[in-house]
Amino acid sequence: IIKSTFVQFIKNISERELENSIYEFLKNPPKTEFVWKIANDYIKFVKKLKLFHDRKYLYELLYFDWIEVEIYMKEYKLKENDFSWDSYYCLSKSARVKKFQYDIINANHKEKRENYLIIYYDFNTDEVLFREINQFIYVLIKKMKYSTLESTLNEICKENEIEFNEAKEILQEPLKELIQNRALALN
């Protein structure tokens, strides 16, 4: 399970490190009822013991590999979403947003680069997609749950001294796409 789940992670550690970490992990077997969740227990284990603390990008690789499995394995109810600035949206159950400290998305794992991803299940292709977003959209997604899309955008624009109408025009298409792809859902 671990070897098949953590494809990117395994490319960046030695076979010996992998075998040793799995050996230690199996000394206290996971208690999960789902085999596919064992990989998440492995992540918790290596973080707790700080096995790769000298290469922190490996923890981000573990998450990167794991989240694809987690999103793919869950079941979702399909709801149609229409875009409206007056609606309340939140991150859908089939999506995650994540701030990374390393350039994982571009396979430049050891290079520090703050970047933001939205990771979501594409119902049309039956795949998990990883899409880089800017910090502004990341903050918007994190804050939008409790007010309309328009009022959340207005609040962020005021906080950052950004022209609201310009931001609204620039963000309309990317947000519309995320809503149509069900990465964002009606709240």
C-alpha atoms as a PDB file:
ATOM      1  CA  ILE A   1       0.000   0.000   0.000  1.00  0.00           C
ATOM      2  CA  ILE A   2       2.700   2.478   0.978  1.00  0.00           C
ATOM      3  CA  LYS A   3       4.796   1.820  -2.099  1.00  0.00           C
ATOM      4  CA  SER A   4       1.854   2.130  -4.465  1.00  0.00           C
ATOM      5  CA  THR A   5       0.458   5.284  -2.810  1.00  0.00           C
ATOM      6  CA  PHE A   6       3.590   7.396  -2.374  1.00  0.00           C
ATOM      7  CA  VAL A   7       4.991   7.425  -5.881  1.00  0.00           C
ATOM      8  CA  GLN A   8       6.663  10.860  -5.739  1.00  0.00           C
ATOM      9  CA  PHE A   9       7.876  10.377  -2.189  1.00  0.00           C
ATOM     10  CA  ILE A  10       9.571   7.060  -2.988  1.00  0.00           C
ATOM     11  CA  LYS A  11      11.481   8.630  -5.861  1.00  0.00           C
ATOM     12  CA  ASN A  12      13.155  10.946  -3.352  1.00  0.00           C
ATOM     13  CA  ILE A  13      14.331   8.558  -0.647  1.00  0.00           C
ATOM     14  CA  SER A  14      16.594   5.557  -0.673  1.00  0.00           C
ATOM     15  CA  GLU A  15      15.265   2.021  -0.704  1.00  0.00           C
ATOM     16  CA  ARG A  16      16.896   1.457   2.676  1.00  0.00           C
ATOM     17  CA  GLU A  17      15.185   4.494   4.236  1.00  0.00           C
ATOM     18  CA  LEU A  18      11.867   3.315   2.881  1.00  0.00           C
ATOM     19  CA  GLU A  19      12.286  -0.237   4.137  1.00  0.00           C
ATOM     20  CA  ASN A  20      13.427   0.956   7.589  1.00  0.00           C
ATOM     21  CA  SER A  21      10.505   3.351   7.937  1.00  0.00           C
ATOM     22  CA  ILE A  22       7.997   0.681   6.870  1.00  0.00           C
ATOM     23  CA  TYR A  23       9.570  -1.820   9.260  1.00  0.00           C
ATOM     24  CA  GLU A  24       9.248   0.646  12.169  1.00  0.00           C
ATOM     25  CA  PHE A  25       5.711   1.552  11.105  1.00  0.00           C
ATOM     26  CA  LEU A  26       4.591  -2.082  11.084  1.00  0.00           C
ATOM     27  CA  LYS A  27       5.807  -2.660  14.641  1.00  0.00           C
ATOM     28  CA  ASN A  28       2.579  -0.924  15.702  1.00  0.00           C
ATOM     29  CA  PRO A  29       0.109  -1.917  12.994  1.00  0.00           C
ATOM     30  CA  PRO A  30      -2.546   0.624  11.980  1.00  0.00           C
ATOM     31  CA  LYS A  31      -6.052   0.055  13.270  1.00  0.00           C
ATOM     32  CA  THR A  32      -7.952   1.470  10.309  1.00  0.00           C
ATOM     33  CA  GLU A  33     -10.744  -0.605   8.804  1.00  0.00           C
ATOM     34  CA  PHE A  34      -9.917   0.539   5.258  1.00  0.00           C
ATOM     35  CA  VAL A  35      -6.720  -0.657   3.623  1.00  0.00           C
ATOM     36  CA  TRP A  36      -6.381   2.538   1.578  1.00  0.00           C
ATOM     37  CA  LYS A  37      -6.244   4.609   4.814  1.00  0.00           C
ATOM     38  CA  ILE A  38      -3.073   2.841   5.982  1.00  0.00           C
ATOM     39  CA  ALA A  39      -1.078   5.311   3.902  1.00  0.00           C
ATOM     40  CA  ASN A  40      -2.401   8.205   5.990  1.00  0.00           C
ATOM     41  CA  ASP A  41      -1.387   6.390   9.171  1.00  0.00           C
ATOM     42  CA  TYR A  42       2.099   6.054   7.701  1.00  0.00           C
ATOM     43  CA  ILE A  43       2.243   9.840   7.153  1.00  0.00           C
ATOM     44  CA  LYS A  44       1.246  10.464  10.776  1.00  0.00           C
ATOM     45  CA  PHE A  45       3.868   7.968  11.923  1.00  0.00           C
ATOM     46  CA  VAL A  46       6.816   9.460   9.997  1.00  0.00           C
ATOM     47  CA  LYS A  47       5.822  12.992  11.061  1.00  0.00           C
ATOM     48  CA  LYS A  48       5.487  12.014  14.708  1.00  0.00           C
ATOM     49  CA  LEU A  49       8.917  10.382  14.722  1.00  0.00           C
ATOM     50  CA  LYS A  50      10.375  13.155  12.514  1.00  0.00           C
ATOM     51  CA  LEU A  51      11.997  10.536  10.307  1.00  0.00           C
ATOM     52  CA  PHE A  52      12.604  12.980   7.469  1.00  0.00           C
ATOM     53  CA  HIS A  53      12.893  16.197   9.440  1.00  0.00           C
ATOM     54  CA  ASP A  54      16.139  17.062   7.661  1.00  0.00           C
ATOM     55  CA  ARG A  55      14.200  17.065   4.344  1.00  0.00           C
ATOM     56  CA  LYS A  56      10.869  18.683   5.099  1.00  0.00           C
ATOM     57  CA  TYR A  57       9.837  18.682   1.455  1.00  0.00           C
ATOM     58  CA  LEU A  58       9.305  14.927   1.862  1.00  0.00           C
ATOM     59  CA  TYR A  59       6.340  15.599   4.164  1.00  0.00           C
ATOM     60  CA  GLU A  60       4.775  17.728   1.438  1.00  0.00           C
ATOM     61  CA  LEU A  61       5.388  14.962  -1.085  1.00  0.00           C
ATOM     62  CA  LEU A  62       3.649  12.516   1.214  1.00  0.00           C
ATOM     63  CA  TYR A  63       0.625  14.821   1.387  1.00  0.00           C
ATOM     64  CA  PHE A  64       0.708  15.395  -2.367  1.00  0.00           C
ATOM     65  CA  ASP A  65       0.606  11.653  -3.042  1.00  0.00           C
ATOM     66  CA  TRP A  66      -1.896  10.898  -0.272  1.00  0.00           C
ATOM     67  CA  ILE A  67      -4.505  13.538  -1.039  1.00  0.00           C
ATOM     68  CA  GLU A  68      -5.033  12.130  -4.524  1.00  0.00           C
ATOM     69  CA  VAL A  69      -5.889   8.738  -3.031  1.00  0.00           C
ATOM     70  CA  GLU A  70      -8.107  10.234  -0.322  1.00  0.00           C
ATOM     71  CA  ILE A  71     -10.142  12.349  -2.754  1.00  0.00           C
ATOM     72  CA  TYR A  72     -10.408   9.542  -5.271  1.00  0.00           C
ATOM     73  CA  MET A  73     -11.572   6.923  -2.757  1.00  0.00           C
ATOM     74  CA  LYS A  74     -14.444   8.881  -1.240  1.00  0.00           C
ATOM     75  CA  GLU A  75     -17.973   8.978  -2.600  1.00  0.00           C
ATOM     76  CA  TYR A  76     -19.661  12.242  -3.522  1.00  0.00           C
ATOM     77  CA  LYS A  77     -23.159  13.393  -4.294  1.00  0.00           C
ATOM     78  CA  LEU A  78     -23.288  15.270  -7.556  1.00  0.00           C
ATOM     79  CA  LYS A  79     -24.867  18.714  -7.271  1.00  0.00           C
ATOM     80  CA  GLU A  80     -25.201  21.261 -10.020  1.00  0.00           C
ATOM     81  CA  ASN A  81     -23.660  24.626  -9.295  1.00  0.00           C
ATOM     82  CA  ASP A  82     -24.467  27.875 -11.000  1.00  0.00           C
ATOM     83  CA  PHE A  83     -22.175  30.851 -10.665  1.00  0.00           C
ATOM     84  CA  SER A  84     -23.524  33.903  -8.872  1.00  0.00           C
ATOM     85  CA  TRP A  85     -21.730  36.651  -6.987  1.00  0.00           C
ATOM     86  CA  ASP A  86     -24.709  36.700  -4.586  1.00  0.00           C
ATOM     87  CA  SER A  87     -24.407  33.047  -3.574  1.00  0.00           C
ATOM     88  CA  TYR A  88     -22.623  31.507  -0.619  1.00  0.00           C
ATOM     89  CA  TYR A  89     -19.930  29.001  -1.620  1.00  0.00           C
ATOM     90  CA  CYS A  90     -17.494  26.780   0.202  1.00  0.00           C
ATOM     91  CA  LEU A  91     -14.840  24.298  -0.754  1.00  0.00           C
ATOM     92  CA  SER A  92     -16.623  21.159  -1.910  1.00  0.00           C
ATOM     93  CA  LYS A  93     -16.168  17.815  -0.155  1.00  0.00           C
ATOM     94  CA  SER A  94     -14.319  16.597  -3.254  1.00  0.00           C
ATOM     95  CA  ALA A  95     -11.687  19.354  -3.052  1.00  0.00           C
ATOM     96  CA  ARG A  96      -8.866  20.627  -0.862  1.00  0.00           C
ATOM     97  CA  VAL A  97      -6.775  23.787  -0.842  1.00  0.00           C
ATOM     98  CA  LYS A  98      -3.226  23.601   0.402  1.00  0.00           C
ATOM     99  CA  LYS A  99      -0.366  26.009   0.893  1.00  0.00           C
ATOM    100  CA  PHE A 100       2.958  24.385   0.045  1.00  0.00           C
ATOM    101  CA  GLN A 101       6.404  25.598   1.087  1.00  0.00           C
ATOM    102  CA  TYR A 102       8.186  23.682  -1.685  1.00  0.00           C
ATOM    103  CA  ASP A 103       7.651  23.629  -5.436  1.00  0.00           C
ATOM    104  CA  ILE A 104       5.916  20.249  -5.442  1.00  0.00           C
ATOM    105  CA  ILE A 105       3.559  20.965  -8.352  1.00  0.00           C
ATOM    106  CA  ASN A 106       6.458  21.604 -10.744  1.00  0.00           C
ATOM    107  CA  ALA A 107       8.442  18.576  -9.520  1.00  0.00           C
ATOM    108  CA  ASN A 108      11.079  20.921  -8.128  1.00  0.00           C
ATOM    109  CA  HIS A 109      10.739  19.338  -4.705  1.00  0.00           C
ATOM    110  CA  LYS A 110      13.833  20.678  -2.991  1.00  0.00           C
ATOM    111  CA  GLU A 111      13.283  24.294  -4.040  1.00  0.00           C
ATOM    112  CA  LYS A 112      11.505  26.434  -1.495  1.00  0.00           C
ATOM    113  CA  ARG A 113       8.650  28.314  -3.146  1.00  0.00           C
ATOM    114  CA  GLU A 114       5.453  29.260  -1.411  1.00  0.00           C
ATOM    115  CA  ASN A 115       2.602  28.162  -3.645  1.00  0.00           C
ATOM    116  CA  TYR A 116      -1.062  27.330  -3.376  1.00  0.00           C
ATOM    117  CA  LEU A 117      -2.998  24.457  -4.893  1.00  0.00           C
ATOM    118  CA  ILE A 118      -6.595  23.520  -5.266  1.00  0.00           C
ATOM    119  CA  ILE A 119      -6.902  19.773  -5.558  1.00  0.00           C
ATOM    120  CA  TYR A 120     -10.238  18.402  -6.674  1.00  0.00           C
ATOM    121  CA  TYR A 121     -12.039  15.465  -8.189  1.00  0.00           C
ATOM    122  CA  ASP A 122     -13.007  16.027 -11.810  1.00  0.00           C
ATOM    123  CA  PHE A 123     -16.332  14.264 -12.322  1.00  0.00           C
ATOM    124  CA  ASN A 124     -16.006  14.408 -16.118  1.00  0.00           C
ATOM    125  CA  THR A 125     -12.624  12.698 -16.397  1.00  0.00           C
ATOM    126  CA  ASP A 126     -12.789  10.623 -13.188  1.00  0.00           C
ATOM    127  CA  GLU A 127      -9.404  12.027 -12.122  1.00  0.00           C
ATOM    128  CA  VAL A 128      -8.020  14.099  -9.278  1.00  0.00           C
ATOM    129  CA  LEU A 129      -6.666  17.385 -10.611  1.00  0.00           C
ATOM    130  CA  PHE A 130      -3.989  19.578  -9.065  1.00  0.00           C
ATOM    131  CA  ARG A 131      -4.229  23.212 -10.028  1.00  0.00           C
ATOM    132  CA  GLU A 132      -2.032  26.043  -8.877  1.00  0.00           C
ATOM    133  CA  ILE A 133      -3.906  29.118  -7.696  1.00  0.00           C
ATOM    134  CA  ASN A 134      -2.658  32.472  -6.500  1.00  0.00           C
ATOM    135  CA  GLN A 135      -2.634  33.559  -2.872  1.00  0.00           C
ATOM    136  CA  PHE A 136      -5.609  35.864  -3.436  1.00  0.00           C
ATOM    137  CA  ILE A 137      -7.883  33.019  -4.621  1.00  0.00           C
ATOM    138  CA  TYR A 138      -6.578  30.836  -1.789  1.00  0.00           C
ATOM    139  CA  VAL A 139      -7.579  33.456   0.809  1.00  0.00           C
ATOM    140  CA  LEU A 140     -10.917  34.013  -0.926  1.00  0.00           C
ATOM    141  CA  ILE A 141     -11.714  30.291  -0.775  1.00  0.00           C
ATOM    142  CA  LYS A 142     -10.706  30.098   2.897  1.00  0.00           C
ATOM    143  CA  LYS A 143     -12.923  33.074   3.846  1.00  0.00           C
ATOM    144  CA  MET A 144     -15.980  32.704   1.611  1.00  0.00           C
ATOM    145  CA  LYS A 145     -17.943  30.177   3.652  1.00  0.00           C
ATOM    146  CA  TYR A 146     -19.785  32.710   5.831  1.00  0.00           C
ATOM    147  CA  SER A 147     -20.746  35.419   3.346  1.00  0.00           C
ATOM    148  CA  THR A 148     -21.591  35.822  -0.303  1.00  0.00           C
ATOM    149  CA  LEU A 149     -18.835  35.544  -2.850  1.00  0.00           C
ATOM    150  CA  GLU A 150     -19.161  39.233  -3.660  1.00  0.00           C
ATOM    151  CA  SER A 151     -19.042  40.425  -0.049  1.00  0.00           C
ATOM    152  CA  THR A 152     -16.061  38.178   0.707  1.00  0.00           C
ATOM    153  CA  LEU A 153     -14.221  39.558  -2.312  1.00  0.00           C
ATOM    154  CA  ASN A 154     -15.111  43.103  -1.280  1.00  0.00           C
ATOM    155  CA  GLU A 155     -13.745  42.495   2.243  1.00  0.00           C
ATOM    156  CA  ILE A 156     -10.441  41.097   0.941  1.00  0.00           C
ATOM    157  CA  CYS A 157     -10.094  43.962  -1.548  1.00  0.00           C
ATOM    158  CA  LYS A 158     -10.556  46.521   1.246  1.00  0.00           C
ATOM    159  CA  GLU A 159      -8.031  44.734   3.491  1.00  0.00           C
ATOM    160  CA  ASN A 160      -5.431  44.756   0.707  1.00  0.00           C
ATOM    161  CA  GLU A 161      -6.288  48.096  -0.957  1.00  0.00           C
ATOM    162  CA  ILE A 162      -7.269  46.442  -4.240  1.00  0.00           C
ATOM    163  CA  GLU A 163      -9.812  47.886  -6.672  1.00  0.00           C
ATOM    164  CA  PHE A 164     -12.946  45.765  -6.178  1.00  0.00           C
ATOM    165  CA  ASN A 165     -14.435  45.988  -9.697  1.00  0.00           C
ATOM    166  CA  GLU A 166     -11.101  45.164 -11.308  1.00  0.00           C
ATOM    167  CA  ALA A 167     -10.625  42.144  -9.031  1.00  0.00           C
ATOM    168  CA  LYS A 168     -14.193  41.021  -9.697  1.00  0.00           C
ATOM    169  CA  GLU A 169     -13.651  41.168 -13.446  1.00  0.00           C
ATOM    170  CA  ILE A 170     -10.330  39.312 -13.290  1.00  0.00           C
ATOM    171  CA  LEU A 171     -11.599  36.578 -10.950  1.00  0.00           C
ATOM    172  CA  GLN A 172     -14.971  35.891 -12.534  1.00  0.00           C
ATOM    173  CA  GLU A 173     -13.771  33.317 -15.107  1.00  0.00           C
ATOM    174  CA  PRO A 174     -11.452  31.320 -12.803  1.00  0.00           C
ATOM    175  CA  LEU A 175     -14.121  31.201 -10.073  1.00  0.00           C
ATOM    176  CA  LYS A 176     -16.803  30.257 -12.566  1.00  0.00           C
ATOM    177  CA  GLU A 177     -14.617  27.399 -13.770  1.00  0.00           C
ATOM    178  CA  LEU A 178     -13.981  26.133 -10.217  1.00  0.00           C
ATOM    179  CA  ILE A 179     -17.715  26.215  -9.521  1.00  0.00           C
ATOM    180  CA  GLN A 180     -18.603  24.455 -12.789  1.00  0.00           C
ATOM    181  CA  ASN A 181     -15.953  21.811 -12.029  1.00  0.00           C
ATOM    182  CA  ARG A 182     -17.525  21.387  -8.580  1.00  0.00           C
ATOM    183  CA  ALA A 183     -14.342  22.314  -6.699  1.00  0.00           C
ATOM    184  CA  LEU A 184     -16.470  24.998  -5.044  1.00  0.00           C
ATOM    185  CA  ALA A 185     -20.008  24.213  -3.962  1.00  0.00           C
ATOM    186  CA  LEU A 186     -23.045  26.107  -2.822  1.00  0.00           C
ATOM    187  CA  ASN A 187     -22.980  26.436   0.939  1.00  0.00           C
END
